[in-house]
Amino acid sequence: MLISSINNSLNELIGLLNQLQEKEYSESCFELSGASIGEHTRHIVEMFQCLILNYNSGIVNYDKRERNVLIQTNIDFAVQIISDIKNNIAKENKNLELQQIIDGAAVKIQSNYYRELLYNLEHCIHHQALIKVAVLQYKNITVDENFGVARSTIEYRKQCAQ
């Protein structure tokens, strides 16, 4: 179920990106405090990449992402990377160690692959919500009403409608 939800969110993102022009994707947006849709997409993508790339070692540090500018400036490249993530995300659950430097101190936290997938899904949805704010200025773009909405909120809305 978790992998399916991630794939749905990533498919929604691909669907949106395929409607954008390169300029819309890579230009600075006032609505995003000067960031671009591409930068938010890169951030989503690189968090998933970091988790997948560090699965075998069992040590994940999200601060040590590649920060590949091509992802934030080239829609076709971003879509290809998202497709690669979808093709490589299904793995067995296993224990992981998260590492990060916070206020100069090294922090190590025990986690597991599924917990980090859930974190990345929620993180993805959060950034999709921000992207949606920027995209609403473009009249030629169709955005699903649930794009950037937490799965729990979607379920809650369904219950209220009944």
N, C-alpha and C. Protein backbone atom coordinates (compact mmCIF):
# COMPACT_ATOMS: atom_id res chain seq x y z
N MET A 1 0.82 -1.20 0.00
CA MET A 1 0.00 0.00 0.00
C MET A 1 0.87 1.27 0.00
N LEU A 2 1.93 1.25 0.80
CA LEU A 2 2.81 2.41 0.88
C LEU A 2 3.47 2.69 -0.47
N ILE A 3 3.98 1.65 -1.10
CA ILE A 3 4.63 1.82 -2.41
C ILE A 3 3.62 2.34 -3.42
N SER A 4 2.41 1.82 -3.37
CA SER A 4 1.34 2.27 -4.28
C SER A 4 1.04 3.76 -4.08
N SER A 5 0.97 4.20 -2.83
CA SER A 5 0.71 5.62 -2.55
C SER A 5 1.85 6.51 -3.03
N ILE A 6 3.07 6.03 -2.85
CA ILE A 6 4.23 6.79 -3.34
C ILE A 6 4.17 6.89 -4.85
N ASN A 7 3.92 5.76 -5.51
CA ASN A 7 3.83 5.77 -6.96
C ASN A 7 2.72 6.70 -7.45
N ASN A 8 1.59 6.73 -6.74
CA ASN A 8 0.51 7.64 -7.12
C ASN A 8 0.96 9.10 -7.02
N SER A 9 1.62 9.43 -5.93
CA SER A 9 2.10 10.82 -5.77
C SER A 9 3.13 11.17 -6.83
N LEU A 10 4.04 10.26 -7.11
CA LEU A 10 5.05 10.52 -8.13
C LEU A 10 4.44 10.60 -9.53
N ASN A 11 3.41 9.78 -9.79
CA ASN A 11 2.70 9.88 -11.07
C ASN A 11 1.97 11.21 -11.20
N GLU A 12 1.38 11.69 -10.11
CA GLU A 12 0.74 13.01 -10.12
C GLU A 12 1.76 14.09 -10.45
N LEU A 13 2.94 13.97 -9.86
CA LEU A 13 4.00 14.94 -10.11
C LEU A 13 4.43 14.90 -11.57
N ILE A 14 4.63 13.70 -12.11
CA ILE A 14 4.99 13.57 -13.52
C ILE A 14 3.91 14.19 -14.41
N GLY A 15 2.65 13.92 -14.09
CA GLY A 15 1.54 14.48 -14.87
C GLY A 15 1.55 16.00 -14.88
N LEU A 16 1.86 16.58 -13.75
CA LEU A 16 1.95 18.05 -13.67
C LEU A 16 3.15 18.56 -14.45
N LEU A 17 4.30 17.94 -14.25
CA LEU A 17 5.52 18.40 -14.93
C LEU A 17 5.36 18.34 -16.44
N ASN A 18 4.66 17.32 -16.93
CA ASN A 18 4.48 17.18 -18.37
C ASN A 18 3.59 18.28 -18.97
N GLN A 19 2.94 19.04 -18.14
CA GLN A 19 2.13 20.16 -18.62
C GLN A 19 2.88 21.49 -18.65
N LEU A 20 4.04 21.51 -18.02
CA LEU A 20 4.79 22.76 -17.87
C LEU A 20 5.77 22.97 -19.03
N GLN A 21 6.04 24.22 -19.29
CA GLN A 21 7.13 24.60 -20.18
C GLN A 21 8.39 24.74 -19.32
N GLU A 22 9.55 24.60 -19.97
CA GLU A 22 10.82 24.68 -19.22
C GLU A 22 10.92 25.99 -18.43
N LYS A 23 10.47 27.09 -19.02
CA LYS A 23 10.56 28.39 -18.33
C LYS A 23 9.70 28.40 -17.07
N GLU A 24 8.48 27.87 -17.18
CA GLU A 24 7.59 27.81 -16.01
C GLU A 24 8.20 26.93 -14.92
N TYR A 25 8.89 25.89 -15.34
CA TYR A 25 9.47 24.92 -14.42
C TYR A 25 10.69 25.49 -13.69
N SER A 26 11.51 26.22 -14.41
CA SER A 26 12.81 26.61 -13.83
C SER A 26 12.90 28.06 -13.39
N GLU A 27 11.89 28.87 -13.68
CA GLU A 27 12.00 30.28 -13.27
C GLU A 27 11.60 30.48 -11.82
N SER A 28 12.19 31.49 -11.24
CA SER A 28 11.91 31.86 -9.86
C SER A 28 10.44 32.25 -9.71
N CYS A 29 9.79 31.79 -8.63
CA CYS A 29 8.37 32.09 -8.39
C CYS A 29 8.23 32.92 -7.11
N PHE A 30 7.53 34.00 -7.23
CA PHE A 30 7.23 34.82 -6.07
C PHE A 30 6.51 33.98 -5.01
N GLU A 31 5.56 33.15 -5.47
CA GLU A 31 4.75 32.32 -4.57
C GLU A 31 5.58 31.31 -3.78
N LEU A 32 6.77 31.01 -4.28
CA LEU A 32 7.66 30.06 -3.61
C LEU A 32 8.86 30.75 -2.98
N SER A 33 8.68 32.01 -2.60
CA SER A 33 9.73 32.80 -1.96
C SER A 33 11.00 32.84 -2.81
N GLY A 34 10.81 32.89 -4.12
CA GLY A 34 11.95 33.00 -5.03
C GLY A 34 12.47 31.67 -5.54
N ALA A 35 12.02 30.57 -4.99
CA ALA A 35 12.43 29.25 -5.48
C ALA A 35 11.62 28.94 -6.75
N SER A 36 12.01 27.89 -7.44
CA SER A 36 11.28 27.48 -8.64
C SER A 36 10.55 26.17 -8.39
N ILE A 37 9.62 25.86 -9.26
CA ILE A 37 8.94 24.57 -9.22
C ILE A 37 10.00 23.47 -9.37
N GLY A 38 10.97 23.71 -10.24
CA GLY A 38 12.05 22.75 -10.45
C GLY A 38 12.86 22.49 -9.19
N GLU A 39 13.11 23.54 -8.42
CA GLU A 39 13.88 23.35 -7.18
C GLU A 39 13.11 22.49 -6.19
N HIS A 40 11.81 22.71 -6.10
CA HIS A 40 11.00 21.88 -5.20
C HIS A 40 10.94 20.45 -5.71
N THR A 41 10.86 20.28 -7.01
CA THR A 41 10.87 18.94 -7.59
C THR A 41 12.19 18.25 -7.30
N ARG A 42 13.29 18.96 -7.49
CA ARG A 42 14.61 18.39 -7.20
C ARG A 42 14.70 17.94 -5.75
N HIS A 43 14.17 18.75 -4.86
CA HIS A 43 14.23 18.43 -3.44
C HIS A 43 13.46 17.13 -3.15
N ILE A 44 12.27 16.99 -3.70
CA ILE A 44 11.49 15.77 -3.55
C ILE A 44 12.30 14.57 -4.05
N VAL A 45 12.78 14.71 -5.28
CA VAL A 45 13.49 13.63 -5.97
C VAL A 45 14.74 13.21 -5.20
N GLU A 46 15.52 14.17 -4.78
CA GLU A 46 16.80 13.84 -4.14
C GLU A 46 16.63 13.21 -2.76
N MET A 47 15.54 13.50 -2.09
CA MET A 47 15.30 12.83 -0.81
C MET A 47 15.04 11.34 -1.04
N PHE A 48 14.19 11.03 -2.04
CA PHE A 48 13.96 9.63 -2.39
C PHE A 48 15.25 8.96 -2.86
N GLN A 49 16.00 9.65 -3.71
CA GLN A 49 17.27 9.09 -4.21
C GLN A 49 18.21 8.78 -3.06
N CYS A 50 18.31 9.68 -2.12
CA CYS A 50 19.22 9.50 -0.98
C CYS A 50 18.85 8.23 -0.21
N LEU A 51 17.57 8.04 0.02
CA LEU A 51 17.12 6.85 0.74
C LEU A 51 17.45 5.58 -0.05
N ILE A 52 17.12 5.58 -1.34
CA ILE A 52 17.36 4.39 -2.17
C ILE A 52 18.86 4.10 -2.29
N LEU A 53 19.65 5.13 -2.54
CA LEU A 53 21.09 4.94 -2.74
C LEU A 53 21.81 4.44 -1.48
N ASN A 54 21.26 4.76 -0.32
CA ASN A 54 21.90 4.38 0.93
C ASN A 54 21.24 3.18 1.61
N TYR A 55 20.31 2.57 0.92
CA TYR A 55 19.61 1.39 1.45
C TYR A 55 20.62 0.29 1.82
N ASN A 56 21.52 -0.03 0.92
CA ASN A 56 22.45 -1.15 1.17
C ASN A 56 23.38 -0.88 2.34
N SER A 57 23.86 0.34 2.47
CA SER A 57 24.77 0.65 3.59
C SER A 57 24.02 0.73 4.91
N GLY A 58 22.74 1.06 4.84
CA GLY A 58 21.93 1.17 6.06
C GLY A 58 22.12 2.47 6.81
N ILE A 59 22.88 3.41 6.23
CA ILE A 59 23.11 4.71 6.86
C ILE A 59 22.62 5.79 5.91
N VAL A 60 21.65 6.59 6.38
CA VAL A 60 21.04 7.62 5.54
C VAL A 60 21.28 8.98 6.17
N ASN A 61 21.79 9.89 5.37
CA ASN A 61 21.95 11.28 5.78
C ASN A 61 21.38 12.14 4.66
N TYR A 62 20.17 12.66 4.88
CA TYR A 62 19.48 13.42 3.85
C TYR A 62 20.21 14.73 3.50
N ASP A 63 21.08 15.19 4.39
CA ASP A 63 21.84 16.40 4.10
C ASP A 63 22.91 16.16 3.03
N LYS A 64 23.25 14.91 2.80
CA LYS A 64 24.29 14.58 1.83
C LYS A 64 23.67 14.19 0.49
N ARG A 65 22.80 15.06 -0.01
CA ARG A 65 22.17 14.84 -1.31
C ARG A 65 23.06 15.41 -2.40
N GLU A 66 22.82 14.97 -3.63
CA GLU A 66 23.65 15.39 -4.75
C GLU A 66 23.42 16.85 -5.14
N ARG A 67 22.19 17.31 -5.08
CA ARG A 67 21.80 18.67 -5.50
C ARG A 67 22.15 18.91 -6.97
N ASN A 68 21.59 18.05 -7.81
CA ASN A 68 21.83 18.08 -9.26
C ASN A 68 20.95 19.14 -9.91
N VAL A 69 21.55 20.21 -10.38
CA VAL A 69 20.83 21.35 -10.97
C VAL A 69 20.04 20.93 -12.20
N LEU A 70 20.49 19.91 -12.90
CA LEU A 70 19.79 19.45 -14.10
C LEU A 70 18.36 19.00 -13.77
N ILE A 71 18.17 18.43 -12.60
CA ILE A 71 16.82 18.01 -12.19
C ILE A 71 15.89 19.21 -12.09
N GLN A 72 16.40 20.34 -11.64
CA GLN A 72 15.54 21.52 -11.44
C GLN A 72 15.42 22.40 -12.68
N THR A 73 16.13 22.07 -13.74
CA THR A 73 16.08 22.91 -14.94
C THR A 73 15.60 22.15 -16.18
N ASN A 74 15.56 20.84 -16.14
CA ASN A 74 15.21 20.04 -17.31
C ASN A 74 14.07 19.08 -16.95
N ILE A 75 12.88 19.36 -17.45
CA ILE A 75 11.70 18.55 -17.10
C ILE A 75 11.87 17.10 -17.53
N ASP A 76 12.34 16.87 -18.74
CA ASP A 76 12.50 15.49 -19.22
C ASP A 76 13.45 14.70 -18.33
N PHE A 77 14.53 15.32 -17.91
CA PHE A 77 15.48 14.66 -17.02
C PHE A 77 14.83 14.36 -15.67
N ALA A 78 14.09 15.33 -15.14
CA ALA A 78 13.41 15.13 -13.86
C ALA A 78 12.41 13.98 -13.94
N VAL A 79 11.65 13.92 -15.03
CA VAL A 79 10.68 12.84 -15.20
C VAL A 79 11.38 11.49 -15.28
N GLN A 80 12.52 11.44 -15.96
CA GLN A 80 13.28 10.19 -16.05
C GLN A 80 13.77 9.75 -14.67
N ILE A 81 14.25 10.69 -13.88
CA ILE A 81 14.73 10.37 -12.53
C ILE A 81 13.57 9.89 -11.66
N ILE A 82 12.43 10.54 -11.77
CA ILE A 82 11.25 10.11 -11.00
C ILE A 82 10.85 8.70 -11.40
N SER A 83 10.89 8.40 -12.69
CA SER A 83 10.59 7.04 -13.16
C SER A 83 11.59 6.03 -12.59
N ASP A 84 12.86 6.41 -12.53
CA ASP A 84 13.89 5.54 -11.95
C ASP A 84 13.58 5.26 -10.47
N ILE A 85 13.14 6.28 -9.76
CA ILE A 85 12.79 6.10 -8.35
C ILE A 85 11.64 5.10 -8.23
N LYS A 86 10.62 5.29 -9.05
CA LYS A 86 9.47 4.38 -9.01
C LYS A 86 9.90 2.94 -9.27
N ASN A 87 10.85 2.75 -10.16
CA ASN A 87 11.32 1.41 -10.51
C ASN A 87 12.22 0.78 -9.45
N ASN A 88 12.74 1.58 -8.54
CA ASN A 88 13.72 1.08 -7.56
C ASN A 88 13.28 1.19 -6.11
N ILE A 89 12.06 1.63 -5.88
CA ILE A 89 11.65 1.93 -4.50
C ILE A 89 11.19 0.70 -3.72
N ALA A 90 10.69 -0.31 -4.41
CA ALA A 90 10.15 -1.49 -3.74
C ALA A 90 11.30 -2.36 -3.22
N LYS A 91 11.53 -2.29 -1.93
CA LYS A 91 12.59 -3.07 -1.27
C LYS A 91 12.03 -3.61 0.04
N GLU A 92 12.68 -4.61 0.56
CA GLU A 92 12.27 -5.16 1.85
C GLU A 92 12.55 -4.13 2.95
N ASN A 93 11.72 -4.20 3.98
CA ASN A 93 11.97 -3.35 5.13
C ASN A 93 13.23 -3.83 5.84
N LYS A 94 14.01 -2.89 6.35
CA LYS A 94 15.19 -3.23 7.15
C LYS A 94 15.53 -2.03 8.02
N ASN A 95 16.29 -2.27 9.06
CA ASN A 95 16.70 -1.20 9.96
C ASN A 95 17.67 -0.28 9.25
N LEU A 96 17.55 1.01 9.55
CA LEU A 96 18.44 2.04 9.02
C LEU A 96 18.88 2.93 10.16
N GLU A 97 20.00 3.59 9.95
CA GLU A 97 20.44 4.62 10.89
C GLU A 97 20.41 5.96 10.16
N LEU A 98 19.68 6.92 10.72
CA LEU A 98 19.68 8.27 10.18
C LEU A 98 20.79 9.05 10.86
N GLN A 99 21.53 9.80 10.06
CA GLN A 99 22.59 10.63 10.61
C GLN A 99 22.38 12.07 10.14
N GLN A 100 22.65 13.00 11.02
CA GLN A 100 22.54 14.41 10.68
C GLN A 100 23.34 15.23 11.68
N ILE A 101 23.79 16.37 11.25
CA ILE A 101 24.43 17.33 12.15
C ILE A 101 23.40 18.40 12.47
N ILE A 102 23.10 18.56 13.75
CA ILE A 102 22.13 19.57 14.18
C ILE A 102 22.81 20.48 15.18
N ASP A 103 22.88 21.76 14.83
CA ASP A 103 23.54 22.75 15.68
C ASP A 103 24.95 22.31 16.07
N GLY A 104 25.65 21.72 15.12
CA GLY A 104 27.04 21.32 15.32
C GLY A 104 27.23 19.98 15.99
N ALA A 105 26.15 19.33 16.39
CA ALA A 105 26.26 18.04 17.06
C ALA A 105 25.79 16.92 16.15
N ALA A 106 26.54 15.82 16.13
CA ALA A 106 26.15 14.65 15.34
C ALA A 106 24.99 13.94 16.03
N VAL A 107 23.96 13.66 15.25
CA VAL A 107 22.79 12.96 15.76
C VAL A 107 22.63 11.67 14.95
N LYS A 108 22.40 10.58 15.67
CA LYS A 108 22.14 9.29 15.03
C LYS A 108 20.83 8.74 15.58
N ILE A 109 19.92 8.38 14.68
CA ILE A 109 18.59 7.91 15.08
C ILE A 109 18.31 6.60 14.37
N GLN A 110 17.79 5.64 15.10
CA GLN A 110 17.39 4.37 14.49
C GLN A 110 16.04 4.54 13.79
N SER A 111 15.94 3.98 12.61
CA SER A 111 14.71 4.03 11.84
C SER A 111 14.64 2.74 11.02
N ASN A 112 13.75 2.72 10.05
CA ASN A 112 13.72 1.59 9.13
C ASN A 112 13.25 2.09 7.77
N TYR A 113 13.42 1.26 6.77
CA TYR A 113 13.16 1.66 5.39
C TYR A 113 11.71 2.09 5.19
N TYR A 114 10.76 1.35 5.72
CA TYR A 114 9.36 1.72 5.53
C TYR A 114 9.02 3.03 6.22
N ARG A 115 9.58 3.24 7.40
CA ARG A 115 9.34 4.51 8.09
C ARG A 115 9.89 5.67 7.26
N GLU A 116 11.04 5.48 6.65
CA GLU A 116 11.62 6.54 5.83
C GLU A 116 10.86 6.72 4.52
N LEU A 117 10.29 5.64 3.99
CA LEU A 117 9.42 5.78 2.82
C LEU A 117 8.21 6.63 3.17
N LEU A 118 7.62 6.37 4.33
CA LEU A 118 6.47 7.15 4.77
C LEU A 118 6.85 8.61 4.95
N TYR A 119 8.00 8.86 5.57
CA TYR A 119 8.49 10.23 5.71
C TYR A 119 8.64 10.90 4.35
N ASN A 120 9.23 10.18 3.40
CA ASN A 120 9.43 10.75 2.07
C ASN A 120 8.10 11.00 1.35
N LEU A 121 7.12 10.14 1.55
CA LEU A 121 5.80 10.36 0.96
C LEU A 121 5.19 11.65 1.52
N GLU A 122 5.20 11.80 2.82
CA GLU A 122 4.65 13.01 3.44
C GLU A 122 5.43 14.25 3.01
N HIS A 123 6.73 14.12 2.91
CA HIS A 123 7.58 15.22 2.45
C HIS A 123 7.25 15.59 1.01
N CYS A 124 7.05 14.58 0.17
CA CYS A 124 6.68 14.78 -1.23
C CYS A 124 5.36 15.54 -1.32
N ILE A 125 4.36 15.09 -0.56
CA ILE A 125 3.05 15.74 -0.58
C ILE A 125 3.15 17.19 -0.12
N HIS A 126 3.94 17.44 0.89
CA HIS A 126 4.14 18.81 1.39
C HIS A 126 4.70 19.70 0.27
N HIS A 127 5.70 19.23 -0.43
CA HIS A 127 6.28 20.04 -1.51
C HIS A 127 5.36 20.12 -2.72
N GLN A 128 4.55 19.11 -2.94
CA GLN A 128 3.55 19.19 -4.00
C GLN A 128 2.53 20.29 -3.68
N ALA A 129 2.18 20.44 -2.42
CA ALA A 129 1.26 21.50 -2.03
C ALA A 129 1.86 22.87 -2.34
N LEU A 130 3.15 23.02 -2.09
CA LEU A 130 3.82 24.28 -2.42
C LEU A 130 3.86 24.50 -3.93
N ILE A 131 4.17 23.44 -4.67
CA ILE A 131 4.20 23.53 -6.13
C ILE A 131 2.83 23.92 -6.65
N LYS A 132 1.78 23.38 -6.06
CA LYS A 132 0.42 23.68 -6.49
C LYS A 132 0.12 25.17 -6.36
N VAL A 133 0.59 25.78 -5.29
CA VAL A 133 0.40 27.23 -5.11
C VAL A 133 1.02 28.00 -6.26
N ALA A 134 2.21 27.60 -6.67
CA ALA A 134 2.90 28.28 -7.77
C ALA A 134 2.23 28.03 -9.12
N VAL A 135 1.73 26.81 -9.31
CA VAL A 135 1.15 26.42 -10.60
C VAL A 135 -0.21 27.06 -10.84
N LEU A 136 -0.90 27.42 -9.79
CA LEU A 136 -2.24 27.99 -9.95
C LEU A 136 -2.25 29.30 -10.74
N GLN A 137 -1.10 29.94 -10.88
CA GLN A 137 -1.01 31.16 -11.67
C GLN A 137 -1.09 30.89 -13.17
N TYR A 138 -0.86 29.64 -13.57
CA TYR A 138 -0.86 29.28 -14.99
C TYR A 138 -2.24 28.72 -15.36
N LYS A 139 -2.94 29.41 -16.23
CA LYS A 139 -4.30 29.02 -16.60
C LYS A 139 -4.35 27.76 -17.45
N ASN A 140 -3.26 27.41 -18.12
CA ASN A 140 -3.24 26.26 -19.02
C ASN A 140 -2.89 24.95 -18.33
N ILE A 141 -2.68 24.98 -17.01
CA ILE A 141 -2.27 23.79 -16.26
C ILE A 141 -3.46 23.24 -15.49
N THR A 142 -3.68 21.94 -15.62
CA THR A 142 -4.74 21.26 -14.88
C THR A 142 -4.12 20.57 -13.67
N VAL A 143 -4.64 20.89 -12.50
CA VAL A 143 -4.11 20.30 -11.27
C VAL A 143 -5.26 19.58 -10.56
N ASP A 144 -5.04 18.33 -10.27
CA ASP A 144 -6.03 17.55 -9.54
C ASP A 144 -6.27 18.18 -8.17
N GLU A 145 -7.51 18.17 -7.71
CA GLU A 145 -7.83 18.78 -6.42
C GLU A 145 -7.10 18.12 -5.26
N ASN A 146 -6.69 16.87 -5.41
CA ASN A 146 -5.99 16.16 -4.34
C ASN A 146 -4.46 16.25 -4.45
N PHE A 147 -3.96 16.94 -5.47
CA PHE A 147 -2.52 17.12 -5.62
C PHE A 147 -2.01 17.93 -4.44
N GLY A 148 -1.05 17.39 -3.72
CA GLY A 148 -0.49 18.10 -2.58
C GLY A 148 -1.35 18.04 -1.33
N VAL A 149 -2.27 17.09 -1.28
CA VAL A 149 -3.14 16.93 -0.11
C VAL A 149 -2.78 15.61 0.58
N ALA A 150 -2.61 15.66 1.87
CA ALA A 150 -2.24 14.47 2.65
C ALA A 150 -3.28 13.37 2.46
N ARG A 151 -2.81 12.13 2.42
CA ARG A 151 -3.72 10.98 2.24
C ARG A 151 -4.77 10.94 3.34
N SER A 152 -4.38 11.29 4.56
CA SER A 152 -5.34 11.29 5.67
C SER A 152 -6.44 12.33 5.45
N THR A 153 -6.09 13.45 4.88
CA THR A 153 -7.08 14.49 4.58
C THR A 153 -8.04 14.04 3.49
N ILE A 154 -7.52 13.37 2.48
CA ILE A 154 -8.36 12.84 1.40
C ILE A 154 -9.36 11.84 1.98
N GLU A 155 -8.89 10.94 2.85
CA GLU A 155 -9.78 9.96 3.48
C GLU A 155 -10.82 10.64 4.36
N TYR A 156 -10.39 11.66 5.10
CA TYR A 156 -11.32 12.38 5.96
C TYR A 156 -12.42 13.06 5.13
N ARG A 157 -12.04 13.66 4.03
CA ARG A 157 -13.01 14.31 3.15
C ARG A 157 -14.01 13.30 2.58
N LYS A 158 -13.53 12.11 2.25
CA LYS A 158 -14.42 11.05 1.73
C LYS A 158 -15.45 10.66 2.80
N GLN A 159 -14.98 10.55 4.04
CA GLN A 159 -15.89 10.18 5.13
C GLN A 159 -16.94 11.26 5.37
N CYS A 160 -16.53 12.50 5.25
CA CYS A 160 -17.46 13.61 5.47
C CYS A 160 -18.51 13.69 4.36
N ALA A 161 -18.13 13.27 3.16
CA ALA A 161 -19.04 13.34 2.02
C ALA A 161 -20.12 12.26 2.08
N GLN A 162 -19.89 11.23 2.91
CA GLN A 162 -20.85 10.11 2.96
C GLN A 162 -22.04 10.40 3.81
